[in-house]
Protein backbone atom coordinates (compact mmCIF):
# COMPACT_ATOMS: atom_id res chain seq x y z
CA MET A 1 41.15 161.53 -114.20
CA GLY A 2 37.50 162.23 -112.54
CA HIS A 3 34.34 161.12 -114.17
CA LYS A 4 33.57 163.56 -116.85
CA ILE A 5 30.43 165.62 -116.27
CA MET A 6 27.99 166.32 -118.73
CA PHE A 7 25.36 169.11 -118.60
CA GLY A 8 21.89 168.53 -119.95
CA THR A 9 18.66 170.33 -120.30
CA ASP A 10 19.07 172.43 -116.81
CA GLY A 11 22.58 171.42 -115.56
CA TRP A 12 23.61 168.04 -114.48
CA ARG A 13 21.78 165.27 -112.71
CA GLY A 14 23.42 161.63 -111.65
CA VAL A 15 22.76 158.66 -109.57
CA ILE A 16 23.81 159.27 -105.76
CA ALA A 17 26.80 157.79 -104.83
CA GLU A 18 27.37 155.92 -108.26
CA ASP A 19 28.50 159.49 -110.34
CA TYR A 20 26.59 162.18 -108.02
CA THR A 21 29.11 162.47 -105.00
CA PHE A 22 30.59 165.13 -103.02
CA ASP A 23 33.59 165.32 -105.07
CA ASN A 24 31.68 165.79 -108.41
CA VAL A 25 29.16 168.26 -106.71
CA ARG A 26 32.67 170.24 -105.64
CA ARG A 27 33.70 169.83 -109.11
CA CYS A 28 30.97 171.26 -110.85
CA ALA A 29 30.60 174.21 -108.34
CA GLN A 30 34.22 174.81 -109.17
CA GLY A 31 33.46 174.88 -113.05
CA PHE A 32 30.51 177.55 -112.29
CA ALA A 33 32.89 179.63 -110.05
CA HIS A 34 35.31 179.74 -112.88
CA TYR A 35 32.56 180.69 -115.27
CA LEU A 36 31.60 183.65 -113.15
CA LYS A 37 35.03 184.88 -112.91
CA THR A 38 35.41 184.90 -116.66
CA LYS A 39 32.28 187.15 -116.56
CA GLY A 40 34.41 189.56 -114.50
CA TYR A 41 32.58 188.86 -111.28
CA LYS A 42 34.69 188.58 -108.15
CA ASP A 43 33.60 188.97 -104.27
CA GLU A 44 29.76 188.83 -105.36
CA TRP A 45 27.08 186.94 -103.92
CA VAL A 46 25.44 183.56 -105.18
CA VAL A 47 22.33 181.85 -103.83
CA VAL A 48 22.46 178.51 -102.99
CA GLY A 49 19.43 176.38 -102.17
CA TYR A 50 18.38 172.58 -101.94
CA ASP A 51 15.35 170.24 -102.03
CA LYS A 52 14.51 167.19 -99.94
CA ARG A 53 16.14 164.33 -101.78
CA PHE A 54 18.73 162.39 -99.76
CA HIS A 55 21.57 164.33 -98.44
CA SER A 56 20.68 167.54 -100.53
CA GLU A 57 21.35 169.99 -97.79
CA ASN A 58 24.95 168.66 -97.42
CA PHE A 59 25.48 168.64 -101.17
CA ALA A 60 24.59 172.36 -101.01
CA GLN A 61 27.02 173.24 -98.58
CA ALA A 62 29.56 171.31 -100.42
CA ALA A 63 28.87 173.67 -103.10
CA ALA A 64 28.76 176.70 -101.03
CA GLU A 65 32.18 175.87 -99.55
CA VAL A 66 33.64 175.74 -102.86
CA LEU A 67 32.09 178.95 -104.03
CA CYS A 68 33.53 180.62 -100.91
CA GLY A 69 36.88 179.36 -101.78
CA ASN A 70 36.70 180.88 -105.17
CA GLY A 71 36.23 184.38 -103.62
CA PHE A 72 32.39 184.63 -103.69
CA ARG A 73 29.97 185.20 -100.89
CA VAL A 74 27.00 182.87 -100.43
CA TYR A 75 23.41 183.03 -99.54
CA LEU A 76 22.58 179.51 -98.40
CA THR A 77 18.82 178.69 -97.74
CA ASP A 78 18.18 177.62 -94.16
CA LYS A 79 15.88 175.19 -95.48
CA ALA A 80 14.90 172.91 -98.50
CA THR A 81 13.18 175.63 -100.64
CA PRO A 82 11.17 175.74 -103.63
CA THR A 83 13.19 176.52 -106.90
CA PRO A 84 10.89 179.34 -107.92
CA VAL A 85 11.69 180.86 -104.53
CA ILE A 86 15.37 180.48 -104.92
CA ALA A 87 15.05 182.09 -108.57
CA TYR A 88 13.39 184.99 -106.69
CA ALA A 89 15.89 185.23 -104.18
CA VAL A 90 18.39 186.06 -106.81
CA VAL A 91 16.81 188.97 -107.84
CA GLU A 92 15.88 190.26 -104.55
CA ARG A 93 19.33 189.74 -102.94
CA LYS A 94 20.86 191.51 -106.28
CA ALA A 95 23.02 188.02 -106.53
CA ILE A 96 24.75 186.97 -109.73
CA GLY A 97 23.30 184.00 -109.76
CA ALA A 98 22.56 180.44 -108.17
CA VAL A 99 23.21 176.82 -107.52
CA ASN A 100 20.36 174.76 -106.87
CA ILE A 101 20.63 171.19 -105.47
CA THR A 102 17.89 169.23 -106.98
CA ALA A 103 16.87 166.74 -109.44
CA SER A 104 13.49 168.15 -110.06
CA HIS A 105 11.00 165.04 -111.16
CA ASN A 106 13.55 162.63 -111.29
CA PRO A 107 13.68 159.17 -109.51
CA PRO A 108 14.60 158.85 -105.99
CA THR A 109 18.25 157.49 -106.90
CA ASP A 110 19.08 160.90 -108.70
CA ASN A 111 20.15 164.29 -107.31
CA GLY A 112 21.30 167.05 -109.38
CA PHE A 113 23.10 170.55 -109.87
CA LYS A 114 21.28 173.37 -111.37
CA VAL A 115 22.61 176.74 -112.18
CA ARG A 116 20.98 180.22 -112.61
CA ASP A 117 22.05 183.67 -113.74
CA ALA A 118 21.38 186.99 -112.34
CA SER A 119 17.77 186.99 -113.64
CA GLY A 120 17.24 184.19 -111.67
CA GLY A 121 16.42 182.37 -115.01
CA ALA A 122 18.29 179.54 -116.84
CA ILE A 123 21.85 179.94 -118.20
CA ASP A 124 21.59 179.93 -122.13
CA PRO A 125 23.17 176.63 -123.75
CA GLU A 126 26.43 178.51 -124.89
CA GLY A 127 26.82 179.37 -121.20
CA LEU A 128 26.28 175.76 -119.97
CA LYS A 129 28.80 174.65 -122.06
CA ARG A 130 31.31 177.12 -120.93
CA ILE A 131 30.60 175.90 -117.52
CA GLU A 132 31.03 172.39 -118.01
CA SER A 133 34.21 172.90 -119.93
CA ALA A 134 35.58 174.34 -116.90
CA ILE A 135 34.54 171.68 -114.57
CA PRO A 136 38.10 170.22 -113.44
CA ASP A 137 39.15 166.66 -114.10
CA GLU A 138 40.81 166.60 -110.61
CA MET A 139 39.86 167.37 -107.02
CA SER A 140 43.40 169.13 -106.69
CA ALA A 141 42.00 172.08 -108.74
CA VAL A 142 39.09 172.47 -106.75
CA LYS A 143 39.15 175.50 -103.95
CA ARG A 144 37.28 175.27 -100.54
CA MET A 145 36.81 177.30 -97.63
CA PRO A 146 35.09 175.26 -94.91
CA ALA A 147 31.55 176.39 -94.03
CA SER A 148 32.41 177.15 -90.28
CA GLU A 149 35.04 179.84 -91.57
CA ALA A 150 32.96 181.17 -94.26
CA GLU A 151 30.25 182.03 -91.74
CA ALA A 152 32.73 183.34 -89.20
CA GLN A 153 34.22 185.95 -92.08
CA GLY A 154 30.54 186.55 -93.25
CA ARG A 155 31.12 185.16 -96.63
CA LEU A 156 28.77 182.22 -95.89
CA VAL A 157 25.18 183.75 -95.01
CA ARG A 158 22.10 181.33 -93.96
CA PHE A 159 18.77 183.15 -94.72
CA ASP A 160 14.91 182.51 -95.07
CA PRO A 161 13.97 183.63 -98.57
CA ALA A 162 10.20 182.83 -98.01
CA PRO A 163 9.17 186.24 -96.71
CA ALA A 164 10.42 188.29 -99.32
CA TYR A 165 8.94 185.66 -102.27
CA ILE A 166 5.64 185.98 -100.39
CA GLU A 167 5.60 189.74 -100.74
CA HIS A 168 6.38 189.48 -104.03
CA LEU A 169 3.33 187.13 -104.98
CA LYS A 170 1.12 190.03 -103.33
CA SER A 171 2.12 192.18 -106.28
CA LEU A 172 1.46 189.50 -108.66
CA ILE A 173 -1.93 188.46 -107.44
CA ASP A 174 -4.88 188.86 -104.89
CA LEU A 175 -5.16 185.79 -102.63
CA GLN A 176 -7.84 187.30 -100.32
CA PRO A 177 -10.93 186.38 -102.99
CA ILE A 178 -9.52 182.62 -103.31
CA ARG A 179 -9.38 182.57 -99.27
CA ASP A 180 -12.96 183.67 -99.25
CA ALA A 181 -14.30 181.60 -102.05
CA GLY A 182 -14.79 178.44 -99.99
CA LEU A 183 -13.20 176.08 -102.25
CA LYS A 184 -12.24 172.62 -101.19
CA ILE A 185 -8.76 172.01 -102.36
CA VAL A 186 -6.32 168.96 -102.31
CA VAL A 187 -2.72 169.45 -102.36
CA ASP A 188 -0.42 166.81 -103.47
CA ALA A 189 3.40 168.26 -102.43
CA MET A 190 4.98 165.31 -103.77
CA TRP A 191 7.12 164.74 -100.74
CA GLY A 192 9.03 167.89 -101.91
CA ASN A 193 9.48 171.44 -101.63
CA GLY A 194 5.77 172.54 -102.43
CA ALA A 195 4.94 171.21 -98.77
CA GLY A 196 3.26 173.85 -96.67
CA TRP A 197 2.89 176.54 -99.09
CA PHE A 198 -0.61 176.50 -100.47
CA PRO A 199 -1.86 176.05 -96.56
CA ARG A 200 0.42 179.31 -95.58
CA LEU A 201 -0.78 181.32 -98.58
CA LEU A 202 -4.58 180.61 -98.37
CA ALA A 203 -5.10 180.54 -94.87
CA GLY A 204 -7.33 182.60 -92.94
CA GLY A 205 -10.65 182.45 -94.91
CA LYS A 206 -13.41 179.78 -95.92
CA THR A 207 -11.03 177.88 -98.20
CA GLU A 208 -9.95 174.52 -97.00
CA VAL A 209 -6.50 173.41 -98.06
CA TYR A 210 -5.67 169.49 -97.77
CA GLU A 211 -2.33 168.39 -98.19
CA ILE A 212 -0.98 164.90 -98.99
CA HIS A 213 2.85 163.84 -99.25
CA ASN A 214 3.73 166.67 -97.36
CA THR A 215 6.58 165.16 -95.00
CA ARG A 216 10.17 164.63 -96.33
CA ASN A 217 10.57 161.01 -97.75
CA PRO A 218 13.43 160.69 -100.22
CA ILE A 219 12.30 157.57 -101.48
CA PHE A 220 8.97 159.19 -102.74
CA PRO A 221 6.26 156.46 -101.76
CA GLU A 222 3.11 155.86 -103.87
CA MET A 223 4.52 157.35 -106.80
CA LYS A 224 7.68 156.38 -109.20
CA ARG A 225 9.17 159.86 -109.09
CA PRO A 226 7.91 163.16 -107.98
CA GLU A 227 6.49 164.15 -111.74
CA PRO A 228 2.78 165.55 -111.58
CA ILE A 229 1.67 163.37 -113.94
CA PRO A 230 -0.19 159.91 -113.71
CA PRO A 231 0.23 157.23 -112.34
CA ASN A 232 2.28 159.45 -109.81
CA ILE A 233 -0.73 161.48 -108.86
CA ASP A 234 -3.09 158.78 -108.80
CA VAL A 235 -3.42 158.81 -105.04
CA GLY A 236 -3.97 162.67 -105.20
CA LEU A 237 -6.73 162.16 -107.79
CA ARG A 238 -8.59 159.76 -105.57
CA THR A 239 -8.25 161.77 -102.73
CA THR A 240 -9.67 164.79 -104.43
CA VAL A 241 -12.87 162.19 -105.10
CA GLU A 242 -12.84 160.92 -101.79
CA ARG A 243 -12.91 164.60 -100.00
CA ARG A 244 -15.32 165.63 -102.55
CA ALA A 245 -12.89 168.52 -103.71
CA ASP A 246 -12.84 170.92 -106.05
CA VAL A 247 -9.53 170.72 -107.50
CA LEU A 248 -6.25 168.94 -107.07
CA VAL A 249 -3.18 170.93 -107.42
CA VAL A 250 0.32 169.11 -107.68
CA THR A 251 3.73 170.47 -107.19
CA ASP A 252 6.71 168.33 -108.13
CA GLY A 253 9.63 167.51 -106.21
CA ASP A 254 10.98 171.22 -106.16
CA ALA A 255 7.90 172.96 -106.61
CA ASP A 256 8.65 174.54 -110.05
CA ARG A 257 5.92 172.46 -112.02
CA VAL A 258 2.36 172.21 -111.42
CA GLY A 259 0.08 169.50 -112.40
CA ILE A 260 -4.06 169.67 -111.90
CA GLY A 261 -6.80 166.96 -111.47
CA ASP A 262 -10.58 168.14 -111.76
CA GLU A 263 -13.38 167.82 -109.42
CA HIS A 264 -13.87 164.44 -111.00
CA GLY A 265 -10.55 162.87 -110.05
CA ARG A 266 -9.33 163.05 -113.67
CA PHE A 267 -5.97 164.53 -114.70
CA VAL A 268 -6.02 167.92 -116.75
CA ASN A 269 -2.96 167.16 -118.79
CA GLN A 270 -0.04 169.73 -119.07
CA LEU A 271 -1.01 171.41 -122.43
CA GLN A 272 -4.64 171.55 -121.26
CA VAL A 273 -3.45 173.66 -118.24
CA TYR A 274 -0.99 175.73 -120.55
CA GLY A 275 -3.86 176.79 -122.67
CA LEU A 276 -6.07 177.52 -119.41
CA LEU A 277 -3.26 179.61 -118.02
CA ALA A 278 -2.70 181.60 -121.36
CA PHE A 279 -6.62 182.20 -121.72
CA TYR A 280 -6.82 183.23 -118.16
CA LEU A 281 -4.20 185.91 -118.47
CA LEU A 282 -5.26 187.28 -121.94
CA GLU A 283 -9.25 187.10 -121.30
CA VAL A 284 -9.76 186.95 -117.61
CA ARG A 285 -7.09 189.47 -116.67
CA GLY A 286 -7.07 190.97 -120.13
CA GLU A 287 -3.40 191.21 -120.47
CA ARG A 288 -1.16 191.22 -123.60
CA GLY A 289 2.40 190.14 -124.40
CA PRO A 290 4.02 187.29 -126.27
CA ILE A 291 3.63 183.83 -125.62
CA ILE A 292 6.64 181.38 -125.52
CA LYS A 293 6.20 177.83 -125.85
CA THR A 294 8.62 174.90 -126.37
CA LEU A 295 7.83 172.72 -129.72
CA SER A 296 6.44 170.06 -127.33
CA THR A 297 3.40 171.80 -126.19
CA THR A 298 0.25 172.97 -127.25
CA SER A 299 -0.93 174.37 -130.69
CA MET A 300 -3.66 175.75 -128.75
CA LEU A 301 -1.50 178.63 -127.92
CA GLU A 302 -1.15 179.56 -131.57
CA LYS A 303 -4.81 179.54 -131.78
CA LEU A 304 -5.15 181.73 -128.70
CA GLY A 305 -2.44 183.87 -130.26
CA GLU A 306 -4.58 184.40 -133.26
CA ILE A 307 -7.82 185.22 -131.17
CA TYR A 308 -6.18 187.88 -128.90
CA GLY A 309 -3.61 189.17 -131.28
CA VAL A 310 -0.41 188.18 -129.75
CA PRO A 311 2.78 186.77 -130.96
CA VAL A 312 3.56 183.02 -130.44
CA TYR A 313 7.38 182.07 -130.35
CA GLU A 314 8.50 178.34 -130.17
CA THR A 315 11.67 177.26 -128.88
CA GLY A 316 13.83 173.97 -128.37
CA VAL A 317 12.82 171.93 -125.35
CA GLY A 318 14.05 173.39 -121.73
CA PHE A 319 14.07 176.28 -119.93
CA LYS A 320 17.41 177.32 -121.09
CA TYR A 321 15.42 178.01 -124.37
CA VAL A 322 12.21 179.61 -123.19
CA ALA A 323 14.07 181.73 -120.35
CA PRO A 324 16.51 184.01 -122.90
CA LYS A 325 13.23 184.49 -125.42
CA PHE A 326 11.03 185.28 -122.46
CA LEU A 327 13.41 187.99 -121.34
CA GLU A 328 14.22 189.11 -124.89
CA THR A 329 10.51 189.53 -125.95
CA ASN A 330 9.18 190.62 -122.34
CA ALA A 331 6.79 187.86 -122.64
CA LEU A 332 3.22 187.52 -120.81
CA ILE A 333 3.94 183.73 -120.22
CA GLY A 334 6.45 180.93 -121.27
CA GLY A 335 6.40 177.27 -120.45
CA GLU A 336 6.66 173.64 -121.96
CA GLU A 337 4.99 170.23 -121.91
CA SER A 338 6.21 169.32 -118.46
CA GLY A 339 4.03 171.51 -116.67
CA GLY A 340 6.64 174.32 -116.12
CA TYR A 341 5.07 177.80 -116.68
CA ALA A 342 6.75 181.41 -116.36
CA PHE A 343 4.94 184.68 -116.09
CA ARG A 344 5.56 188.63 -116.73
CA GLY A 345 6.35 190.27 -113.54
CA ASN A 346 8.04 187.25 -112.12
CA VAL A 347 11.41 185.91 -112.57
CA PRO A 348 11.87 184.04 -116.08
CA GLU A 349 11.63 180.48 -114.03
CA ARG A 350 8.88 177.94 -113.76
CA ASP A 351 6.89 178.53 -110.74
CA GLY A 352 4.35 175.73 -109.52
CA ILE A 353 3.18 177.87 -106.88
CA LEU A 354 2.31 180.96 -108.87
CA ALA A 355 0.66 178.69 -111.76
CA GLY A 356 -1.25 176.68 -109.12
CA LEU A 357 -2.57 180.60 -107.47
CA TYR A 358 -3.30 181.60 -111.15
CA PHE A 359 -5.33 178.45 -111.59
CA LEU A 360 -7.22 178.75 -108.45
CA ASP A 361 -7.70 182.34 -109.27
CA MET A 362 -9.31 181.74 -112.55
CA MET A 363 -11.68 179.15 -110.80
CA VAL A 364 -13.04 181.86 -108.49
CA ARG A 365 -12.77 184.59 -111.01
CA LEU A 366 -15.01 182.66 -113.64
CA ASN A 367 -17.06 180.37 -110.88
CA ARG A 368 -16.13 177.48 -112.84
CA LYS A 369 -14.65 173.91 -111.83
CA PRO A 370 -11.77 172.83 -113.60
CA SER A 371 -13.88 170.51 -116.09
CA GLN A 372 -16.13 173.53 -116.90
CA LEU A 373 -12.83 175.61 -117.71
CA LEU A 374 -11.78 173.13 -120.18
CA GLU A 375 -14.85 173.10 -121.82
CA LEU A 376 -14.98 176.67 -122.24
CA LEU A 377 -11.32 176.78 -123.27
CA PHE A 378 -12.40 174.12 -126.11
CA SER A 379 -15.28 176.45 -126.99
CA LYS A 380 -12.89 178.91 -128.22
CA VAL A 381 -9.96 176.84 -129.67
CA GLY A 382 -11.93 173.29 -130.09
CA PRO A 383 -10.86 170.45 -128.21
CA HIS A 384 -7.12 168.79 -128.30
CA TYR A 385 -6.10 165.59 -127.29
CA TYR A 386 -2.39 164.85 -125.99
CA ASP A 387 -0.16 161.92 -124.95
CA ARG A 388 3.27 160.73 -124.52
CA VAL A 389 5.09 157.74 -124.34
CA ASP A 390 8.77 157.28 -122.89
CA ARG A 391 10.73 154.17 -123.96
CA GLN A 392 14.41 153.51 -122.94
CA PHE A 393 16.71 152.70 -126.00
CA THR A 394 20.29 151.40 -126.51
CA GLY A 395 22.84 151.83 -129.00
CA ASP A 396 24.02 154.90 -131.10
CA ARG A 397 21.94 158.00 -131.06
CA LYS A 398 23.07 159.28 -134.08
CA THR A 399 22.15 156.13 -135.95
CA ARG A 400 18.99 156.02 -134.64
CA GLU A 401 18.53 159.86 -135.59
CA GLU A 402 19.37 159.34 -139.12
CA MET A 403 16.71 156.41 -139.07
CA ILE A 404 13.90 158.49 -138.00
CA LEU A 405 14.91 161.24 -140.67
CA ASN A 406 15.07 158.65 -143.43
CA ALA A 407 11.38 157.32 -142.37
CA ASN A 408 9.78 160.02 -144.47
CA PRO A 409 6.39 158.79 -143.65
CA HIS A 410 3.33 160.15 -145.82
CA THR A 411 0.90 159.67 -142.85
CA ILE A 412 1.06 159.01 -138.94
CA GLY A 413 -1.90 157.42 -137.25
CA GLY A 414 -4.05 157.94 -140.78
CA LEU A 415 -3.33 161.80 -141.04
CA LYS A 416 -1.70 163.33 -143.56
CA VAL A 417 2.35 164.40 -142.70
CA VAL A 418 2.34 168.24 -144.03
CA GLY A 419 5.71 169.38 -142.72
CA LEU A 420 8.81 168.22 -140.51
CA ASN A 421 10.37 170.49 -137.54
CA THR A 422 13.96 169.39 -136.58
CA LEU A 423 14.60 172.45 -134.27
CA ASP A 424 14.56 169.77 -131.29
CA GLY A 425 14.13 166.06 -132.41
CA PHE A 426 11.91 165.18 -134.94
CA LYS A 427 8.15 166.95 -135.20
CA PHE A 428 6.06 165.79 -137.80
CA LEU A 429 2.93 168.19 -138.59
CA LEU A 430 -0.22 166.59 -139.58
CA GLU A 431 -2.97 167.63 -141.63
CA ASP A 432 -5.64 168.54 -138.53
CA GLY A 433 -3.13 171.11 -137.00
CA GLY A 434 -2.08 168.36 -134.95
CA TRP A 435 1.88 167.01 -134.64
CA MET A 436 3.79 163.91 -133.45
CA LEU A 437 7.52 164.62 -131.90
CA ILE A 438 10.06 162.15 -131.58
CA ARG A 439 13.03 163.67 -129.29
CA PHE A 440 15.90 162.33 -126.95
CA SER A 441 15.76 163.08 -123.13
CA GLY A 442 18.76 165.63 -122.50
CA THR A 443 19.00 163.70 -119.17
CA GLU A 444 18.38 160.24 -119.58
CA PRO A 445 18.71 157.09 -122.23
CA ILE A 446 14.98 157.68 -123.22
CA ILE A 447 13.25 158.53 -126.44
CA ARG A 448 9.83 160.55 -125.93
CA VAL A 449 7.17 160.26 -128.33
CA TYR A 450 4.46 162.90 -128.06
CA CYS A 451 1.60 164.05 -129.95
CA GLU A 452 -1.42 166.37 -129.91
CA THR A 453 -4.44 165.79 -132.30
CA THR A 454 -7.89 167.16 -132.79
CA HIS A 455 -9.46 163.40 -133.17
CA PRO A 456 -9.51 161.78 -129.73
CA ASP A 457 -9.48 158.23 -131.41
CA ARG A 458 -6.12 159.16 -133.25
CA VAL A 459 -3.90 159.64 -130.04
CA GLN A 460 -2.71 155.79 -129.79
CA PRO A 461 -2.36 155.18 -133.47
CA ILE A 462 -0.14 158.62 -133.67
CA LEU A 463 2.02 157.24 -130.78
CA GLN A 464 2.31 153.83 -132.17
CA ASP A 465 3.38 154.92 -135.62
CA GLY A 466 6.08 157.34 -133.70
CA LEU A 467 7.25 154.21 -131.86
CA ARG A 468 7.64 152.17 -135.16
CA ILE A 469 9.48 155.23 -136.81
CA ALA A 470 11.88 155.53 -133.76
CA GLY A 471 12.53 151.85 -133.94
CA LEU A 472 10.99 151.10 -130.68
CA ALA A 473 7.68 149.43 -131.70
């Protein structure tokens, strides 16, 4: 009996050589192949891509061999490729879905197996359950075709998805004004798939792009993990100050998320970036359309929705919830607290490259540096302050959930509790329009406590109360 594989927020992630093995990757690929067959597909194309983690290219080939062995055809990327580029390749190549070998922002010990549908976006929770249930217990149920044989038959084709994606970007944004603006940009690629992209896209003008952490190194030196938040970006923030740059742009391990640092070397948090990107689309570009947000991201979006007359929809955490709502409503933007944002006209997938370009375009169009952009946003919606604490937990999750639900606090951080949202975790709504959320990670034995408030001195008291309610103080 093989190791039981459980799909989380985006697919499956595991510890390399412990549970993330070649055989278990092949079993996942067999489950995905079975799922595709139940949807009536056969002899269709599937895109397979990968990141720069340990052995990712070989895990990707193993998954491709299983898909070919099940009667599908595979476009396999010829190098480590950003997740948004893989997602766009699904649409551009008219494929029926994708497998992406990446653990995104997880620690270096991990790797992952993500799946996407024909839109290039995340598969909905029901589809993920069906894939998980179709994963065979034994390797004897896994069908395989060696890569050499599949290539000889034309069933496995290695390709470069970059040129088509770059042409697509040109339909979404005019890069020439950014090239000509004379900006000094520091880009932290976090040893991942975003390396080389901003220099390539912004070359040929007065703007200077200086990259750090832009080679392959699967142990991710100078950071705990390739997640675009402090302290992982501290080297990038220092480099921004040292080089007297205008902005720091950070892409995570698979380049589907973005982080921003201002000209003073201060982190612009993910909720602030989401507010700024929505403001950019609504005010600077004059576009209109629904906003999709997970319940763990900023209430500034509701305020922007009121100002510009657009609806705001709240979902559970993860793009498996955001992507379906994004497609259903033809949304202008969809995003989450982790720094992942999707945009109309693009695939319903997080895109750290396009998000970074949009942020740079906002700087150029408004002739403001990041700190000045934040001041402008706050002049519209008021200041908002955010932080998050992650803690490992042991014991039974259900018992802890009951404890949180039964806590029934009247105040949190000195602010009155005015409501409770249990859509995905426990979101306590506060009298100032802020909130505190306690939520269990979908991929690790971790409880996350988040908060947003209009009072800067209440952030830490709110988080501490959240830890006490979760039994983690």
